[in-house]
Structures are given as C-alpha cells and as structure tokens.
C-alpha cells in the first residue's frame, strides 16, 4: 500500500489539487440526486462521495485503517476494513457498488469489479481516462509514472471493463474522466 493512504488529509488535498477540483465536480455530477436503497463504496477513502449520493444504508470498504479511522470521526457510515478483490458480502447484498477514483490503484481491477457485480445489482466506476488527442506516451507517463509514485495508479482498461456486463459509458471534461455503469453482468461469476 502506498504511503499516501496512511495520510488521509494529505490524500484528500492532493486529490483536489492535482485534479484542479475537476474530480470533485465529476463526483457531484454523477452522484448528486441519485437515491439508492443500499450502497457499497469500495475504496471509500476519506468519504468524499458520501456527500453526494443518497442512500438508506451505506457501507464503506477500504484497505487502509488510517482512511477508515479518519472517516469514522466524520461519518456514521458502516465501515469495513477489507480487500476489493475478496468482498465479504453475499450476492446482491447492495443496490449499488461504487468505485470512485480507486480502480486504477488496484492490482486486479477487473477482478474487483467482478466481485462488486456479485455483491450488487449495479456497479458505478468513476476514474481517470486518457483524453482524446493526448498522446499515449504522455498519458502513461502521467498515470503510470507520477500517478504510480503517489497513488499506485495504472491505466484502467475501460474496454475490458465494459465487457463485464451491460454498460453505459459517459465522458467528462474532454474525456479526462470516464464513468461506466454496469448492470446484468454475465461475466461477473454469478
């Protein structure tokens, strides 16, 4: 686990500064006014998404005790220390599972999404994407170079991700951010 995940305040600041607050705007646009019965946020971190989505029952899962301790002081959300690759929930326990800017930091992102599809009826992925017109080498230098040093990031394979189920895809800010909503996943291991 990268050192940044042991420092929630710094993580939260860097998340906003590095993205020029665009990441927060995308969160708001995608999640605001969305009401669900039950939500599992995988990689809940400092809980930024919890400000936007309305849910009757919320569980936040993270692999960083420091992040969960930070969030515990600010939220009444049920928190679980765990691994996105091995979710400790029964099938279809949640209406929605959410990955918000964390999929790129996972060692096996597609397996994590398969687990989320098993545990929920719908999966929402919000993450960074290579903008149209940006050279692949430059994008990889940013994501796999700088992003990897700070956050452990790697490029998200959105094409493979969309094949995991019935997908709708939406881009924001010239394609720098991509949102994939997955339903009815035939390959989710159900």
Protein backbone atom coordinates (compact mmCIF):
# COMPACT_ATOMS: atom_id res chain seq x y z
CA UNK A 1 0.00 0.00 0.00
CA UNK A 2 1.33 3.43 -0.93
CA UNK A 3 2.34 5.81 1.86
CA UNK A 4 -0.30 8.36 0.79
CA UNK A 5 -3.10 6.07 2.04
CA UNK A 6 -1.75 6.40 5.58
CA UNK A 7 -2.25 10.20 5.43
CA UNK A 8 -5.95 10.92 4.76
CA UNK A 9 -5.77 14.72 4.99
CA UNK A 10 -2.87 14.91 2.54
CA UNK A 11 -4.58 12.40 0.27
CA UNK A 12 -7.75 14.47 0.21
CA UNK A 13 -5.83 17.67 -0.51
CA UNK A 14 -3.77 16.10 -3.31
CA UNK A 15 -6.90 14.55 -4.82
CA UNK A 16 -8.46 18.00 -5.19
CA UNK A 17 -5.31 19.95 -6.11
CA UNK A 18 -3.92 17.50 -8.67
CA UNK A 19 -7.25 17.38 -10.50
CA UNK A 20 -7.89 21.15 -10.16
CA UNK A 21 -11.11 20.14 -8.35
CA UNK A 22 -12.45 18.57 -11.56
CA UNK A 23 -12.56 15.18 -9.83
CA UNK A 24 -14.93 16.65 -7.22
CA UNK A 25 -17.11 18.15 -9.96
CA UNK A 26 -17.41 14.80 -11.72
CA UNK A 27 -18.35 13.10 -8.42
CA UNK A 28 -21.07 15.67 -7.92
CA UNK A 29 -22.42 15.48 -11.48
CA UNK A 30 -22.61 11.68 -11.47
CA UNK A 31 -23.86 11.08 -7.95
CA UNK A 32 -25.89 14.14 -6.98
CA UNK A 33 -29.63 13.49 -6.85
CA UNK A 34 -29.03 9.74 -7.09
CA UNK A 35 -31.05 7.91 -4.45
CA UNK A 36 -30.43 4.22 -3.74
CA UNK A 37 -31.57 1.83 -1.05
CA UNK A 38 -28.16 0.39 -0.26
CA UNK A 39 -24.67 1.46 -1.32
CA UNK A 40 -21.27 -0.18 -1.04
CA UNK A 41 -18.44 2.24 -1.71
CA UNK A 42 -15.28 0.28 -2.42
CA UNK A 43 -12.18 2.32 -1.69
CA UNK A 44 -14.22 4.78 0.39
CA UNK A 45 -11.07 6.68 1.40
CA UNK A 46 -11.99 9.97 3.05
CA UNK A 47 -15.66 9.60 2.10
CA UNK A 48 -15.95 12.39 -0.47
CA UNK A 49 -18.65 10.58 -2.46
CA UNK A 50 -20.84 10.18 0.61
CA UNK A 51 -21.59 13.91 0.38
CA UNK A 52 -23.34 13.45 -2.96
CA UNK A 53 -25.26 10.19 -3.09
CA UNK A 54 -28.38 9.50 -1.08
CA UNK A 55 -28.72 6.01 0.37
CA UNK A 56 -30.71 4.49 3.22
CA UNK A 57 -27.93 2.02 4.06
CA UNK A 58 -24.23 2.66 3.31
CA UNK A 59 -21.14 0.56 3.79
CA UNK A 60 -17.67 1.93 3.09
CA UNK A 61 -14.88 -0.56 2.42
CA UNK A 62 -11.19 0.33 2.35
CA UNK A 63 -7.88 -1.46 2.86
CA UNK A 64 -6.36 1.46 4.78
CA UNK A 65 -7.03 1.58 8.52
CA UNK A 66 -5.88 5.21 8.55
CA UNK A 67 -8.54 6.17 5.98
CA UNK A 68 -11.25 4.32 7.91
CA UNK A 69 -10.17 5.89 11.23
CA UNK A 70 -10.28 9.33 9.59
CA UNK A 71 -13.75 8.70 8.18
CA UNK A 72 -15.04 7.13 11.40
CA UNK A 73 -14.59 10.51 13.15
CA UNK A 74 -16.65 12.32 10.48
CA UNK A 75 -19.37 9.90 9.44
CA UNK A 76 -21.85 7.39 10.78
CA UNK A 77 -21.27 5.16 7.75
CA UNK A 78 -20.68 1.48 8.48
CA UNK A 79 -17.02 0.88 7.70
CA UNK A 80 -15.27 -2.37 6.78
CA UNK A 81 -11.53 -2.99 6.55
CA UNK A 82 -11.18 -5.22 3.51
CA UNK A 83 -9.86 -6.04 0.09
CA UNK A 84 -11.79 -5.10 -3.06
CA UNK A 85 -10.67 -8.38 -4.65
CA UNK A 86 -12.36 -10.53 -1.96
CA UNK A 87 -15.55 -8.79 -0.84
CA UNK A 88 -17.02 -10.23 2.37
CA UNK A 89 -20.64 -9.85 1.27
CA UNK A 90 -23.27 -12.24 -0.05
CA UNK A 91 -24.51 -11.99 -3.62
CA UNK A 92 -26.64 -8.96 -4.46
CA UNK A 93 -26.37 -7.53 -0.91
CA UNK A 94 -26.37 -3.95 -2.28
CA UNK A 95 -28.29 -1.99 -4.87
CA UNK A 96 -25.13 -0.15 -5.99
CA UNK A 97 -21.39 -0.68 -5.61
CA UNK A 98 -19.22 2.35 -6.32
CA UNK A 99 -15.55 2.67 -7.29
CA UNK A 100 -14.59 6.33 -7.30
CA UNK A 101 -11.02 7.03 -8.40
CA UNK A 102 -9.73 3.84 -6.82
CA UNK A 103 -9.89 1.23 -9.58
CA UNK A 104 -6.61 2.42 -11.14
CA UNK A 105 -4.83 1.70 -7.87
CA UNK A 106 -5.92 -1.92 -7.57
CA UNK A 107 -3.65 -4.81 -8.59
CA UNK A 108 -6.50 -6.65 -10.37
CA UNK A 109 -9.17 -4.09 -11.22
CA UNK A 110 -11.33 -6.41 -13.34
CA UNK A 111 -11.49 -8.99 -10.55
CA UNK A 112 -12.53 -6.26 -8.12
CA UNK A 113 -15.35 -5.22 -10.46
CA UNK A 114 -16.44 -8.86 -10.83
CA UNK A 115 -16.63 -9.07 -7.04
CA UNK A 116 -18.67 -5.86 -6.93
CA UNK A 117 -21.05 -7.19 -9.59
CA UNK A 118 -21.53 -10.32 -7.50
CA UNK A 119 -22.28 -8.27 -4.38
CA UNK A 120 -24.54 -5.66 -6.03
CA UNK A 121 -27.16 -5.11 -8.71
CA UNK A 122 -25.29 -2.22 -10.33
CA UNK A 123 -21.69 -1.01 -10.35
CA UNK A 124 -20.59 2.56 -10.96
CA UNK A 125 -16.95 3.24 -11.85
CA UNK A 126 -15.65 6.82 -11.89
CA UNK A 127 -11.99 7.14 -12.86
CA UNK A 128 -9.43 8.98 -14.93
CA UNK A 129 -9.21 8.27 -18.66
CA UNK A 130 -6.80 9.27 -21.42
CA UNK A 131 -8.35 12.29 -23.13
CA UNK A 132 -8.82 12.16 -26.87
CA UNK A 133 -5.86 13.77 -28.56
CA UNK A 134 -3.43 13.19 -25.70
CA UNK A 135 -0.52 11.02 -26.82
CA UNK A 136 -0.47 7.58 -25.20
CA UNK A 137 3.16 8.03 -24.06
CA UNK A 138 2.34 11.28 -22.26
CA UNK A 139 -0.72 9.73 -20.59
CA UNK A 140 1.25 6.70 -19.44
CA UNK A 141 4.00 8.98 -18.08
CA UNK A 142 1.40 10.89 -16.07
CA UNK A 143 -0.64 7.91 -14.84
CA UNK A 144 1.96 5.15 -14.63
CA UNK A 145 4.79 7.49 -13.71
CA UNK A 146 3.63 10.30 -11.45
CA UNK A 147 0.32 8.69 -10.52
CA UNK A 148 2.02 5.41 -9.69
CA UNK A 149 4.57 7.07 -7.42
CA UNK A 150 1.93 8.92 -5.41
CA UNK A 151 -1.20 6.76 -5.63
CA UNK A 152 -0.07 3.43 -7.11
CA UNK A 153 -2.10 4.16 -10.26
CA UNK A 154 -2.07 2.35 -13.56
CA UNK A 155 -4.17 2.76 -16.68
CA UNK A 156 -7.75 1.44 -16.42
CA UNK A 157 -8.78 -0.86 -19.29
CA UNK A 158 -12.24 0.59 -19.87
CA UNK A 159 -12.84 -1.62 -22.92
CA UNK A 160 -12.39 -4.81 -20.87
CA UNK A 161 -14.36 -3.27 -18.02
CA UNK A 162 -17.37 -2.51 -20.25
CA UNK A 163 -17.43 -6.17 -21.39
CA UNK A 164 -18.20 -7.36 -17.86
CA UNK A 165 -21.89 -6.52 -18.25
CA UNK A 166 -24.41 -4.25 -19.87
CA UNK A 167 -22.51 -0.96 -19.78
CA UNK A 168 -23.32 2.68 -20.25
CA UNK A 169 -20.34 4.99 -20.62
CA UNK A 170 -20.11 8.74 -20.17
CA UNK A 171 -17.07 11.00 -20.51
CA UNK A 172 -16.44 14.34 -18.81
CA UNK A 173 -14.01 17.18 -19.46
CA UNK A 174 -12.80 16.17 -22.93
CA UNK A 175 -12.63 12.52 -21.89
CA UNK A 176 -10.27 13.03 -18.92
CA UNK A 177 -12.85 11.33 -16.69
CA UNK A 178 -14.89 8.28 -17.60
CA UNK A 179 -17.94 6.89 -15.86
CA UNK A 180 -19.05 3.32 -16.54
CA UNK A 181 -22.30 1.96 -15.13
CA UNK A 182 -22.60 -1.83 -15.28
CA UNK A 183 -25.80 -3.87 -14.94
CA UNK A 184 -26.69 -7.50 -15.50
CA UNK A 185 -23.16 -8.82 -15.74
CA UNK A 186 -22.97 -12.18 -17.49
CA UNK A 187 -19.20 -12.49 -16.74
CA UNK A 188 -19.41 -11.48 -13.08
CA UNK A 189 -19.09 -15.01 -11.78
CA UNK A 190 -22.74 -15.28 -10.68
